[in-house]
Amino acid sequence: MKPCFLFCGDLFERSSSHSLFKSIILDFYRGSEVDQIDLTGLDRIISLTADPTANMITWRVYNIVLKKSGIKLPRVELEEIGPRMNFEIRRVRDAIPEVMKEALKVPKESKVKKRNENFT
């Protein structure tokens, strides 16, 4: 099971330092890609909120509780379970462009080979 990440705040898209932080966190928790989410399999939410006034990022972990609602969809409640952290972005140094290009290269072995399924 993977947790569901919730990034609150447009700084994660506008600021390069916040975008880098988001990328590092998602790479750390990387798993297989999913197309659909089964509500019964979803049990944790990690919420990261960017505060533009204090240059802080808050990290909160919640447990998802599904309760009866009287209709087909259950009522969803969140209860904080921890850990609870506050991050402050202080020092950010961008990589040298050549080094960044080399780091982002995808090896030939991991590229998906296309197969031609049209047989004549």
PDB file of N, CA and C in Angstrom:
ATOM      1  N   MET A   1       0.833  -1.187   0.000  1.00  0.00           N
ATOM      2  CA  MET A   1       0.000   0.000   0.000  1.00  0.00           C
ATOM      3  C   MET A   1       0.874   1.245   0.000  1.00  0.00           C
ATOM      4  N   LYS A   2       0.402   2.253  -0.705  1.00  0.00           N
ATOM      5  CA  LYS A   2       1.093   3.521  -0.741  1.00  0.00           C
ATOM      6  C   LYS A   2       0.201   4.567  -0.110  1.00  0.00           C
ATOM      7  N   PRO A   3       0.804   5.553   0.541  1.00  0.00           N
ATOM      8  CA  PRO A   3      -0.021   6.641   1.052  1.00  0.00           C
ATOM      9  C   PRO A   3      -0.440   7.566  -0.086  1.00  0.00           C
ATOM     10  N   CYS A   4      -1.492   8.299   0.139  1.00  0.00           N
ATOM     11  CA  CYS A   4      -1.954   9.303  -0.812  1.00  0.00           C
ATOM     12  C   CYS A   4      -1.325  10.632  -0.390  1.00  0.00           C
ATOM     13  N   PHE A   5      -0.684  11.310  -1.321  1.00  0.00           N
ATOM     14  CA  PHE A   5      -0.061  12.595  -1.019  1.00  0.00           C
ATOM     15  C   PHE A   5      -0.972  13.722  -1.443  1.00  0.00           C
ATOM     16  N   LEU A   6      -1.068  14.727  -0.584  1.00  0.00           N
ATOM     17  CA  LEU A   6      -1.869  15.908  -0.852  1.00  0.00           C
ATOM     18  C   LEU A   6      -0.953  17.118  -0.695  1.00  0.00           C
ATOM     19  N   PHE A   7      -0.661  17.793  -1.802  1.00  0.00           N
ATOM     20  CA  PHE A   7       0.179  18.982  -1.774  1.00  0.00           C
ATOM     21  C   PHE A   7      -0.729  20.202  -1.847  1.00  0.00           C
ATOM     22  N   CYS A   8      -0.807  20.948  -0.756  1.00  0.00           N
ATOM     23  CA  CYS A   8      -1.681  22.124  -0.682  1.00  0.00           C
ATOM     24  C   CYS A   8      -0.850  23.392  -0.869  1.00  0.00           C
ATOM     25  N   GLY A   9      -1.271  24.218  -1.778  1.00  0.00           N
ATOM     26  CA  GLY A   9      -0.590  25.482  -2.023  1.00  0.00           C
ATOM     27  C   GLY A   9       0.022  25.512  -3.405  1.00  0.00           C
ATOM     28  N   ASP A  10      -0.098  26.660  -4.057  1.00  0.00           N
ATOM     29  CA  ASP A  10       0.420  26.773  -5.411  1.00  0.00           C
ATOM     30  C   ASP A  10       1.931  26.987  -5.444  1.00  0.00           C
ATOM     31  N   LEU A  11       2.574  27.139  -4.287  1.00  0.00           N
ATOM     32  CA  LEU A  11       4.033  27.264  -4.267  1.00  0.00           C
ATOM     33  C   LEU A  11       4.717  26.007  -4.780  1.00  0.00           C
ATOM     34  N   PHE A  12       4.073  24.846  -4.649  1.00  0.00           N
ATOM     35  CA  PHE A  12       4.658  23.605  -5.135  1.00  0.00           C
ATOM     36  C   PHE A  12       4.761  23.605  -6.662  1.00  0.00           C
ATOM     37  N   GLU A  13       4.033  24.484  -7.328  1.00  0.00           N
ATOM     38  CA  GLU A  13       4.099  24.596  -8.787  1.00  0.00           C
ATOM     39  C   GLU A  13       4.875  25.841  -9.214  1.00  0.00           C
ATOM     40  N   ARG A  14       4.828  26.916  -8.442  1.00  0.00           N
ATOM     41  CA  ARG A  14       5.448  28.187  -8.827  1.00  0.00           C
ATOM     42  C   ARG A  14       6.903  28.310  -8.410  1.00  0.00           C
ATOM     43  N   SER A  15       7.248  27.833  -7.234  1.00  0.00           N
ATOM     44  CA  SER A  15       8.592  28.011  -6.686  1.00  0.00           C
ATOM     45  C   SER A  15       9.482  26.826  -7.040  1.00  0.00           C
ATOM     46  N   SER A  16      10.690  27.116  -7.525  1.00  0.00           N
ATOM     47  CA  SER A  16      11.596  26.024  -7.900  1.00  0.00           C
ATOM     48  C   SER A  16      12.064  25.239  -6.677  1.00  0.00           C
ATOM     49  N   SER A  17      12.262  25.905  -5.533  1.00  0.00           N
ATOM     50  CA  SER A  17      12.703  25.188  -4.333  1.00  0.00           C
ATOM     51  C   SER A  17      11.597  24.287  -3.785  1.00  0.00           C
ATOM     52  N   HIS A  18      10.355  24.749  -3.824  1.00  0.00           N
ATOM     53  CA  HIS A  18       9.240  23.921  -3.370  1.00  0.00           C
ATOM     54  C   HIS A  18       8.983  22.772  -4.335  1.00  0.00           C
ATOM     55  N   SER A  19       9.140  23.036  -5.626  1.00  0.00           N
ATOM     56  CA  SER A  19       8.973  21.991  -6.631  1.00  0.00           C
ATOM     57  C   SER A  19      10.032  20.906  -6.459  1.00  0.00           C
ATOM     58  N   LEU A  20      11.256  21.305  -6.141  1.00  0.00           N
ATOM     59  CA  LEU A  20      12.336  20.348  -5.885  1.00  0.00           C
ATOM     60  C   LEU A  20      12.025  19.512  -4.648  1.00  0.00           C
ATOM     61  N   PHE A  21      11.519  20.149  -3.591  1.00  0.00           N
ATOM     62  CA  PHE A  21      11.138  19.432  -2.370  1.00  0.00           C
ATOM     63  C   PHE A  21      10.056  18.393  -2.675  1.00  0.00           C
ATOM     64  N   LYS A  22       9.043  18.788  -3.447  1.00  0.00           N
ATOM     65  CA  LYS A  22       7.960  17.876  -3.829  1.00  0.00           C
ATOM     66  C   LYS A  22       8.507  16.692  -4.619  1.00  0.00           C
ATOM     67  N   SER A  23       9.409  16.964  -5.535  1.00  0.00           N
ATOM     68  CA  SER A  23       9.992  15.917  -6.360  1.00  0.00           C
ATOM     69  C   SER A  23      10.791  14.919  -5.517  1.00  0.00           C
ATOM     70  N   ILE A  24      11.552  15.413  -4.553  1.00  0.00           N
ATOM     71  CA  ILE A  24      12.340  14.542  -3.679  1.00  0.00           C
ATOM     72  C   ILE A  24      11.429  13.644  -2.846  1.00  0.00           C
ATOM     73  N   ILE A  25      10.375  14.207  -2.286  1.00  0.00           N
ATOM     74  CA  ILE A  25       9.436  13.428  -1.457  1.00  0.00           C
ATOM     75  C   ILE A  25       8.757  12.350  -2.304  1.00  0.00           C
ATOM     76  N   LEU A  26       8.276  12.697  -3.490  1.00  0.00           N
ATOM     77  CA  LEU A  26       7.601  11.714  -4.340  1.00  0.00           C
ATOM     78  C   LEU A  26       8.561  10.636  -4.831  1.00  0.00           C
ATOM     79  N   ASP A  27       9.815  11.002  -5.093  1.00  0.00           N
ATOM     80  CA  ASP A  27      10.804   9.998  -5.493  1.00  0.00           C
ATOM     81  C   ASP A  27      11.113   9.052  -4.343  1.00  0.00           C
ATOM     82  N   PHE A  28      11.138   9.568  -3.130  1.00  0.00           N
ATOM     83  CA  PHE A  28      11.423   8.741  -1.956  1.00  0.00           C
ATOM     84  C   PHE A  28      10.334   7.687  -1.740  1.00  0.00           C
ATOM     85  N   TYR A  29       9.073   8.065  -1.953  1.00  0.00           N
ATOM     86  CA  TYR A  29       7.943   7.161  -1.748  1.00  0.00           C
ATOM     87  C   TYR A  29       7.472   6.497  -3.038  1.00  0.00           C
ATOM     88  N   ARG A  30       8.269   6.575  -4.088  1.00  0.00           N
ATOM     89  CA  ARG A  30       7.860   6.067  -5.401  1.00  0.00           C
ATOM     90  C   ARG A  30       7.500   4.588  -5.343  1.00  0.00           C
ATOM     91  N   GLY A  31       6.450   4.255  -6.038  1.00  0.00           N
ATOM     92  CA  GLY A  31       6.015   2.872  -6.169  1.00  0.00           C
ATOM     93  C   GLY A  31       5.500   2.678  -7.577  1.00  0.00           C
ATOM     94  N   SER A  32       4.752   1.637  -7.778  1.00  0.00           N
ATOM     95  CA  SER A  32       4.197   1.403  -9.106  1.00  0.00           C
ATOM     96  C   SER A  32       3.060   2.392  -9.373  1.00  0.00           C
ATOM     97  N   GLU A  33       2.902   2.735 -10.635  1.00  0.00           N
ATOM     98  CA  GLU A  33       1.853   3.667 -11.036  1.00  0.00           C
ATOM     99  C   GLU A  33       0.488   2.985 -10.934  1.00  0.00           C
ATOM    100  N   VAL A  34      -0.536   3.745 -10.565  1.00  0.00           N
ATOM    101  CA  VAL A  34      -1.889   3.211 -10.477  1.00  0.00           C
ATOM    102  C   VAL A  34      -2.815   4.031 -11.365  1.00  0.00           C
ATOM    103  N   ASP A  35      -3.801   3.342 -11.960  1.00  0.00           N
ATOM    104  CA  ASP A  35      -4.778   4.017 -12.800  1.00  0.00           C
ATOM    105  C   ASP A  35      -6.039   4.367 -12.018  1.00  0.00           C
ATOM    106  N   GLN A  36      -6.391   3.491 -11.068  1.00  0.00           N
ATOM    107  CA  GLN A  36      -7.603   3.694 -10.281  1.00  0.00           C
ATOM    108  C   GLN A  36      -7.274   3.552  -8.806  1.00  0.00           C
ATOM    109  N   ILE A  37      -8.091   4.174  -7.985  1.00  0.00           N
ATOM    110  CA  ILE A  37      -7.896   4.098  -6.541  1.00  0.00           C
ATOM    111  C   ILE A  37      -9.078   3.374  -5.927  1.00  0.00           C
ATOM    112  N   ASP A  38      -8.786   2.333  -5.164  1.00  0.00           N
ATOM    113  CA  ASP A  38      -9.816   1.614  -4.434  1.00  0.00           C
ATOM    114  C   ASP A  38      -9.923   2.245  -3.048  1.00  0.00           C
ATOM    115  N   LEU A  39     -11.090   2.795  -2.716  1.00  0.00           N
ATOM    116  CA  LEU A  39     -11.250   3.486  -1.435  1.00  0.00           C
ATOM    117  C   LEU A  39     -10.967   2.594  -0.236  1.00  0.00           C
ATOM    118  N   THR A  40     -11.266   1.308  -0.353  1.00  0.00           N
ATOM    119  CA  THR A  40     -11.025   0.411   0.779  1.00  0.00           C
ATOM    120  C   THR A  40      -9.542   0.167   0.998  1.00  0.00           C
ATOM    121  N   GLY A  41      -8.711   0.331  -0.038  1.00  0.00           N
ATOM    122  CA  GLY A  41      -7.271   0.134   0.091  1.00  0.00           C
ATOM    123  C   GLY A  41      -6.535   1.396   0.500  1.00  0.00           C
ATOM    124  N   LEU A  42      -7.214   2.521   0.481  1.00  0.00           N
ATOM    125  CA  LEU A  42      -6.601   3.800   0.838  1.00  0.00           C
ATOM    126  C   LEU A  42      -6.780   4.017   2.335  1.00  0.00           C
ATOM    127  N   ASP A  43      -5.662   4.048   3.073  1.00  0.00           N
ATOM    128  CA  ASP A  43      -5.800   4.180   4.520  1.00  0.00           C
ATOM    129  C   ASP A  43      -5.003   5.328   5.119  1.00  0.00           C
ATOM    130  N   ARG A  44      -4.104   5.958   4.351  1.00  0.00           N
ATOM    131  CA  ARG A  44      -3.293   7.052   4.877  1.00  0.00           C
ATOM    132  C   ARG A  44      -3.250   8.216   3.882  1.00  0.00           C
ATOM    133  N   ILE A  45      -3.212   9.418   4.421  1.00  0.00           N
ATOM    134  CA  ILE A  45      -2.984  10.620   3.624  1.00  0.00           C
ATOM    135  C   ILE A  45      -1.834  11.380   4.267  1.00  0.00           C
ATOM    136  N   ILE A  46      -0.859  11.736   3.442  1.00  0.00           N
ATOM    137  CA  ILE A  46       0.216  12.609   3.908  1.00  0.00           C
ATOM    138  C   ILE A  46      -0.041  13.964   3.279  1.00  0.00           C
ATOM    139  N   SER A  47      -0.302  14.938   4.123  1.00  0.00           N
ATOM    140  CA  SER A  47      -0.643  16.277   3.663  1.00  0.00           C
ATOM    141  C   SER A  47       0.564  17.189   3.852  1.00  0.00           C
ATOM    142  N   LEU A  48       0.982  17.839   2.764  1.00  0.00           N
ATOM    143  CA  LEU A  48       2.069  18.806   2.808  1.00  0.00           C
ATOM    144  C   LEU A  48       1.497  20.149   2.393  1.00  0.00           C
ATOM    145  N   THR A  49       1.619  21.138   3.262  1.00  0.00           N
ATOM    146  CA  THR A  49       1.047  22.449   3.018  1.00  0.00           C
ATOM    147  C   THR A  49       2.152  23.491   2.992  1.00  0.00           C
ATOM    148  N   ALA A  50       2.194  24.285   1.923  1.00  0.00           N
ATOM    149  CA  ALA A  50       3.195  25.341   1.791  1.00  0.00           C
ATOM    150  C   ALA A  50       2.608  26.656   2.278  1.00  0.00           C
ATOM    151  N   ASP A  51       3.278  27.256   3.253  1.00  0.00           N
ATOM    152  CA  ASP A  51       2.864  28.550   3.798  1.00  0.00           C
ATOM    153  C   ASP A  51       3.732  29.630   3.169  1.00  0.00           C
ATOM    154  N   PRO A  52       3.168  30.454   2.275  1.00  0.00           N
ATOM    155  CA  PRO A  52       3.996  31.435   1.567  1.00  0.00           C
ATOM    156  C   PRO A  52       4.523  32.557   2.461  1.00  0.00           C
ATOM    157  N   THR A  53       3.867  32.849   3.556  1.00  0.00           N
ATOM    158  CA  THR A  53       4.303  33.957   4.408  1.00  0.00           C
ATOM    159  C   THR A  53       5.503  33.588   5.273  1.00  0.00           C
ATOM    160  N   ALA A  54       5.610  32.316   5.678  1.00  0.00           N
ATOM    161  CA  ALA A  54       6.684  31.914   6.582  1.00  0.00           C
ATOM    162  C   ALA A  54       7.740  31.046   5.910  1.00  0.00           C
ATOM    163  N   ASN A  55       7.602  30.773   4.611  1.00  0.00           N
ATOM    164  CA  ASN A  55       8.512  29.879   3.888  1.00  0.00           C
ATOM    165  C   ASN A  55       8.623  28.530   4.592  1.00  0.00           C
ATOM    166  N   MET A  56       7.483  28.045   5.080  1.00  0.00           N
ATOM    167  CA  MET A  56       7.423  26.777   5.807  1.00  0.00           C
ATOM    168  C   MET A  56       6.578  25.769   5.029  1.00  0.00           C
ATOM    169  N   ILE A  57       6.912  24.492   5.254  1.00  0.00           N
ATOM    170  CA  ILE A  57       6.097  23.391   4.738  1.00  0.00           C
ATOM    171  C   ILE A  57       5.723  22.538   5.930  1.00  0.00           C
ATOM    172  N   THR A  58       4.426  22.337   6.115  1.00  0.00           N
ATOM    173  CA  THR A  58       3.963  21.492   7.221  1.00  0.00           C
ATOM    174  C   THR A  58       3.665  20.104   6.685  1.00  0.00           C
ATOM    175  N   TRP A  59       4.022  19.085   7.450  1.00  0.00           N
ATOM    176  CA  TRP A  59       3.849  17.667   7.101  1.00  0.00           C
ATOM    177  C   TRP A  59       2.920  17.077   8.144  1.00  0.00           C
ATOM    178  N   ARG A  60       1.775  16.569   7.727  1.00  0.00           N
ATOM    179  CA  ARG A  60       0.816  15.941   8.633  1.00  0.00           C
ATOM    180  C   ARG A  60       0.395  14.599   8.030  1.00  0.00           C
ATOM    181  N   VAL A  61       0.248  13.594   8.879  1.00  0.00           N
ATOM    182  CA  VAL A  61      -0.175  12.269   8.436  1.00  0.00           C
ATOM    183  C   VAL A  61      -1.531  11.966   9.060  1.00  0.00           C
ATOM    184  N   TYR A  62      -2.468  11.550   8.229  1.00  0.00           N
ATOM    185  CA  TYR A  62      -3.823  11.270   8.680  1.00  0.00           C
ATOM    186  C   TYR A  62      -4.217   9.837   8.352  1.00  0.00           C
ATOM    187  N   ASN A  63      -5.015   9.255   9.208  1.00  0.00           N
ATOM    188  CA  ASN A  63      -5.638   7.962   8.975  1.00  0.00           C
ATOM    189  C   ASN A  63      -7.017   8.231   8.383  1.00  0.00           C
ATOM    190  N   ILE A  64      -7.387   7.476   7.368  1.00  0.00           N
ATOM    191  CA  ILE A  64      -8.693   7.639   6.737  1.00  0.00           C
ATOM    192  C   ILE A  64      -9.676   6.663   7.372  1.00  0.00           C
ATOM    193  N   VAL A  65     -10.775   7.192   7.858  1.00  0.00           N
ATOM    194  CA  VAL A  65     -11.816   6.369   8.471  1.00  0.00           C
ATOM    195  C   VAL A  65     -13.066   6.482   7.608  1.00  0.00           C
ATOM    196  N   LEU A  66     -13.529   5.336   7.102  1.00  0.00           N
ATOM    197  CA  LEU A  66     -14.750   5.310   6.293  1.00  0.00           C
ATOM    198  C   LEU A  66     -15.925   4.927   7.190  1.00  0.00           C
ATOM    199  N   LYS A  67     -16.936   5.778   7.229  1.00  0.00           N
ATOM    200  CA  LYS A  67     -18.108   5.527   8.075  1.00  0.00           C
ATOM    201  C   LYS A  67     -19.352   5.460   7.212  1.00  0.00           C
ATOM    202  N   LYS A  68     -20.372   4.823   7.735  1.00  0.00           N
ATOM    203  CA  LYS A  68     -21.635   4.720   7.000  1.00  0.00           C
ATOM    204  C   LYS A  68     -22.266   6.098   6.868  1.00  0.00           C
ATOM    205  N   SER A  69     -22.834   6.342   5.666  1.00  0.00           N
ATOM    206  CA  SER A  69     -23.406   7.661   5.422  1.00  0.00           C
ATOM    207  C   SER A  69     -24.881   7.600   5.036  1.00  0.00           C
ATOM    208  N   GLY A  70     -25.421   6.401   4.843  1.00  0.00           N
ATOM    209  CA  GLY A  70     -26.813   6.278   4.422  1.00  0.00           C
ATOM    210  C   GLY A  70     -26.970   6.247   2.909  1.00  0.00           C
ATOM    211  N   ILE A  71     -25.910   6.527   2.193  1.00  0.00           N
ATOM    212  CA  ILE A  71     -25.930   6.422   0.737  1.00  0.00           C
ATOM    213  C   ILE A  71     -24.830   5.448   0.318  1.00  0.00           C
ATOM    214  N   LYS A  72     -24.666   5.277  -1.000  1.00  0.00           N
ATOM    215  CA  LYS A  72     -23.699   4.299  -1.498  1.00  0.00           C
ATOM    216  C   LYS A  72     -22.262   4.652  -1.114  1.00  0.00           C
ATOM    217  N   LEU A  73     -21.896   5.934  -1.217  1.00  0.00           N
ATOM    218  CA  LEU A  73     -20.544   6.364  -0.872  1.00  0.00           C
ATOM    219  C   LEU A  73     -20.411   6.555   0.636  1.00  0.00           C
ATOM    220  N   PRO A  74     -19.329   6.083   1.233  1.00  0.00           N
ATOM    221  CA  PRO A  74     -19.152   6.253   2.677  1.00  0.00           C
ATOM    222  C   PRO A  74     -18.741   7.685   3.026  1.00  0.00           C
ATOM    223  N   ARG A  75     -18.970   8.055   4.286  1.00  0.00           N
ATOM    224  CA  ARG A  75     -18.508   9.345   4.795  1.00  0.00           C
ATOM    225  C   ARG A  75     -17.045   9.171   5.185  1.00  0.00           C
ATOM    226  N   VAL A  76     -16.199  10.084   4.752  1.00  0.00           N
ATOM    227  CA  VAL A  76     -14.760   9.987   4.990  1.00  0.00           C
ATOM    228  C   VAL A  76     -14.378  10.967   6.094  1.00  0.00           C
ATOM    229  N   GLU A  77     -13.697  10.451   7.112  1.00  0.00           N
ATOM    230  CA  GLU A  77     -13.180  11.295   8.184  1.00  0.00           C
ATOM    231  C   GLU A  77     -11.683  11.072   8.293  1.00  0.00           C
ATOM    232  N   LEU A  78     -10.965  12.127   8.661  1.00  0.00           N
ATOM    233  CA  LEU A  78      -9.522  12.045   8.833  1.00  0.00           C
ATOM    234  C   LEU A  78      -9.175  12.240  10.300  1.00  0.00           C
ATOM    235  N   GLU A  79      -8.282  11.391  10.803  1.00  0.00           N
ATOM    236  CA  GLU A  79      -7.782  11.598  12.162  1.00  0.00           C
ATOM    237  C   GLU A  79      -6.260  11.629  12.105  1.00  0.00           C
ATOM    238  N   GLU A  80      -5.690  12.657  12.715  1.00  0.00           N
ATOM    239  CA  GLU A  80      -4.235  12.812  12.666  1.00  0.00           C
ATOM    240  C   GLU A  80      -3.573  11.738  13.511  1.00  0.00           C
ATOM    241  N   ILE A  81      -2.574  11.066  12.920  1.00  0.00           N
ATOM    242  CA  ILE A  81      -1.900   9.991  13.640  1.00  0.00           C
ATOM    243  C   ILE A  81      -0.407  10.254  13.805  1.00  0.00           C
ATOM    244  N   GLY A  82       0.123  11.242  13.108  1.00  0.00           N
ATOM    245  CA  GLY A  82       1.540  11.573  13.233  1.00  0.00           C
ATOM    246  C   GLY A  82       2.377  10.742  12.292  1.00  0.00           C
ATOM    247  N   PRO A  83       3.600  11.058  12.087  1.00  0.00           N
ATOM    248  CA  PRO A  83       4.332  12.161  12.708  1.00  0.00           C
ATOM    249  C   PRO A  83       3.915  13.514  12.142  1.00  0.00           C
ATOM    250  N   ARG A  84       4.261  14.527  12.869  1.00  0.00           N
ATOM    251  CA  ARG A  84       3.923  15.894  12.511  1.00  0.00           C
ATOM    252  C   ARG A  84       5.232  16.674  12.466  1.00  0.00           C
ATOM    253  N   MET A  85       5.518  17.276  11.292  1.00  0.00           N
ATOM    254  CA  MET A  85       6.785  17.993  11.121  1.00  0.00           C
ATOM    255  C   MET A  85       6.556  19.324  10.428  1.00  0.00           C
ATOM    256  N   ASN A  86       7.473  20.248  10.676  1.00  0.00           N
ATOM    257  CA  ASN A  86       7.507  21.525   9.975  1.00  0.00           C
ATOM    258  C   ASN A  86       8.876  21.662   9.332  1.00  0.00           C
ATOM    259  N   PHE A  87       8.896  21.967   8.031  1.00  0.00           N
ATOM    260  CA  PHE A  87      10.139  22.147   7.301  1.00  0.00           C
ATOM    261  C   PHE A  87      10.284  23.612   6.920  1.00  0.00           C
ATOM    262  N   GLU A  88      11.512  24.100   6.969  1.00  0.00           N
ATOM    263  CA  GLU A  88      11.808  25.443   6.501  1.00  0.00           C
ATOM    264  C   GLU A  88      12.851  25.315   5.401  1.00  0.00           C
ATOM    265  N   ILE A  89      12.554  25.887   4.242  1.00  0.00           N
ATOM    266  CA  ILE A  89      13.498  25.838   3.133  1.00  0.00           C
ATOM    267  C   ILE A  89      14.461  27.004   3.316  1.00  0.00           C
ATOM    268  N   ARG A  90      15.742  26.660   3.534  1.00  0.00           N
ATOM    269  CA  ARG A  90      16.732  27.704   3.779  1.00  0.00           C
ATOM    270  C   ARG A  90      17.791  27.778   2.704  1.00  0.00           C
ATOM    271  N   ARG A  91      18.380  26.654   2.356  1.00  0.00           N
ATOM    272  CA  ARG A  91      19.468  26.666   1.371  1.00  0.00           C
ATOM    273  C   ARG A  91      19.093  25.790   0.183  1.00  0.00           C
ATOM    274  N   VAL A  92      19.143  26.361  -0.990  1.00  0.00           N
ATOM    275  CA  VAL A  92      18.867  25.611  -2.213  1.00  0.00           C
ATOM    276  C   VAL A  92      19.957  25.976  -3.208  1.00  0.00           C
ATOM    277  N   ARG A  93      20.588  24.955  -3.771  1.00  0.00           N
ATOM    278  CA  ARG A  93      21.610  25.195  -4.783  1.00  0.00           C
ATOM    279  C   ARG A  93      21.267  24.342  -5.997  1.00  0.00           C
ATOM    280  N   ASP A  94      21.070  24.995  -7.118  1.00  0.00           N
ATOM    281  CA  ASP A  94      20.734  24.281  -8.356  1.00  0.00           C
ATOM    282  C   ASP A  94      21.960  23.535  -8.872  1.00  0.00           C
ATOM    283  N   ALA A  95      21.693  22.431  -9.554  1.00  0.00           N
ATOM    284  CA  ALA A  95      22.770  21.638 -10.135  1.00  0.00           C
ATOM    285  C   ALA A  95      23.336  22.338 -11.363  1.00  0.00           C
ATOM    286  N   ILE A  96      24.592  22.015 -11.670  1.00  0.00           N
ATOM    287  CA  ILE A  96      25.211  22.498 -12.902  1.00  0.00           C
ATOM    288  C   ILE A  96      24.433  21.863 -14.055  1.00  0.00           C
ATOM    289  N   PRO A  97      24.100  22.644 -15.104  1.00  0.00           N
ATOM    290  CA  PRO A  97      23.258  22.106 -16.190  1.00  0.00           C
ATOM    291  C   PRO A  97      23.761  20.797 -16.799  1.00  0.00           C
ATOM    292  N   GLU A  98      25.070  20.638 -16.972  1.00  0.00           N
ATOM    293  CA  GLU A  98      25.605  19.403 -17.542  1.00  0.00           C
ATOM    294  C   GLU A  98      25.370  18.217 -16.610  1.00  0.00           C
ATOM    295  N   VAL A  99      25.561  18.447 -15.326  1.00  0.00           N
ATOM    296  CA  VAL A  99      25.359  17.385 -14.339  1.00  0.00           C
ATOM    297  C   VAL A  99      23.876  17.016 -14.264  1.00  0.00           C
ATOM    298  N   MET A 100      22.994  18.008 -14.318  1.00  0.00           N
ATOM    299  CA  MET A 100      21.551  17.761 -14.276  1.00  0.00           C
ATOM    300  C   MET A 100      21.113  16.959 -15.502  1.00  0.00           C
ATOM    301  N   LYS A 101      21.642  17.284 -16.674  1.00  0.00           N
ATOM    302  CA  LYS A 101      21.299  16.562 -17.891  1.00  0.00           C
ATOM    303  C   LYS A 101      21.727  15.102 -17.788  1.00  0.00           C
ATOM    304  N   GLU A 102      22.909  14.868 -17.257  1.00  0.00           N
ATOM    305  CA  GLU A 102      23.417  13.500 -17.095  1.00  0.00           C
ATOM    306  C   GLU A 102      22.574  12.730 -16.073  1.00  0.00           C
ATOM    307  N   ALA A 103      22.147  13.397 -15.012  1.00  0.00           N
ATOM    308  CA  ALA A 103      21.358  12.735 -13.969  1.00  0.00           C
ATOM    309  C   ALA A 103      19.968  12.348 -14.468  1.00  0.00           C
ATOM    310  N   LEU A 104      19.429  13.098 -15.406  1.00  0.00           N
ATOM    311  CA  LEU A 104      18.075  12.832 -15.901  1.00  0.00           C
ATOM    312  C   LEU A 104      18.032  11.872 -17.076  1.00  0.00           C
ATOM    313  N   LYS A 105      19.187  11.371 -17.513  1.00  0.00           N
ATOM    314  CA  LYS A 105      19.204  10.414 -18.618  1.00  0.00           C
ATOM    315  C   LYS A 105      18.541   9.111 -18.201  1.00  0.00           C
ATOM    316  N   VAL A 106      17.765   8.542 -19.124  1.00  0.00           N
ATOM    317  CA  VAL A 106      17.108   7.261 -18.885  1.00  0.00           C
ATOM    318  C   VAL A 106      17.924   6.183 -19.602  1.00  0.00           C
ATOM    319  N   PRO A 107      18.366   5.138 -18.884  1.00  0.00           N
ATOM    320  CA  PRO A 107      19.159   4.089 -19.531  1.00  0.00           C
ATOM    321  C   PRO A 107      18.355   3.370 -20.613  1.00  0.00           C
ATOM    322  N   LYS A 108      19.065   2.880 -21.628  1.00  0.00           N
ATOM    323  CA  LYS A 108      18.404   2.186 -22.736  1.00  0.00           C
ATOM    324  C   LYS A 108      17.680   0.936 -22.253  1.00  0.00           C
ATOM    325  N   GLU A 109      18.204   0.271 -21.240  1.00  0.00           N
ATOM    326  CA  GLU A 109      17.606  -0.967 -20.739  1.00  0.00           C
ATOM    327  C   GLU A 109      16.220  -0.738 -20.139  1.00  0.00           C
ATOM    328  N   SER A 110      15.986   0.444 -19.575  1.00  0.00           N
ATOM    329  CA  SER A 110      14.704   0.685 -18.915  1.00  0.00           C
ATOM    330  C   SER A 110      13.643   1.271 -19.845  1.00  0.00           C
ATOM    331  N   LYS A 111      14.038   1.624 -21.063  1.00  0.00           N
ATOM    332  CA  LYS A 111      13.060   2.145 -22.014  1.00  0.00           C
ATOM    333  C   LYS A 111      12.198   1.001 -22.527  1.00  0.00           C
ATOM    334  N   VAL A 112      10.908   1.262 -22.700  1.00  0.00           N
ATOM    335  CA  VAL A 112       9.965   0.253 -23.183  1.00  0.00           C
ATOM    336  C   VAL A 112      10.108   0.142 -24.690  1.00  0.00           C
ATOM    337  N   LYS A 113      10.282  -1.093 -25.148  1.00  0.00           N
ATOM    338  CA  LYS A 113      10.390  -1.326 -26.580  1.00  0.00           C
ATOM    339  C   LYS A 113       9.003  -1.477 -27.174  1.00  0.00           C
ATOM    340  N   LYS A 114       8.776  -0.799 -28.283  1.00  0.00           N
ATOM    341  CA  LYS A 114       7.478  -0.882 -28.956  1.00  0.00           C
ATOM    342  C   LYS A 114       7.469  -2.107 -29.849  1.00  0.00           C
ATOM    343  N   ARG A 115       6.377  -2.847 -29.774  1.00  0.00           N
ATOM    344  CA  ARG A 115       6.216  -4.034 -30.621  1.00  0.00           C
ATOM    345  C   ARG A 115       5.171  -3.751 -31.674  1.00  0.00           C
ATOM    346  N   ASN A 116       5.424  -4.203 -32.845  1.00  0.00           N
ATOM    347  CA  ASN A 116       4.458  -4.055 -33.927  1.00  0.00           C
ATOM    348  C   ASN A 116       3.540  -5.267 -33.889  1.00  0.00           C
ATOM    349  N   GLU A 117       2.269  -5.045 -33.607  1.00  0.00           N
ATOM    350  CA  GLU A 117       1.321  -6.160 -33.484  1.00  0.00           C
ATOM    351  C   GLU A 117       0.555  -6.413 -34.770  1.00  0.00           C
ATOM    352  N   ASN A 118       0.884  -5.683 -35.844  1.00  0.00           N
ATOM    353  CA  ASN A 118       0.228  -5.910 -37.129  1.00  0.00           C
ATOM    354  C   ASN A 118       1.016  -6.948 -37.889  1.00  0.00           C
ATOM    355  N   PHE A 119       0.454  -8.126 -37.990  1.00  0.00           N
ATOM    356  CA  PHE A 119       1.114  -9.205 -38.731  1.00  0.00           C
ATOM    357  C   PHE A 119       0.512  -9.296 -40.124  1.00  0.00           C
ATOM    358  N   THR A 120       1.366  -9.378 -41.140  1.00  0.00           N
ATOM    359  CA  THR A 120       0.859  -9.494 -42.508  1.00  0.00           C
ATOM    360  C   THR A 120       1.200 -10.813 -43.108  1.00  0.00           C
TER     361      THR A 120
END
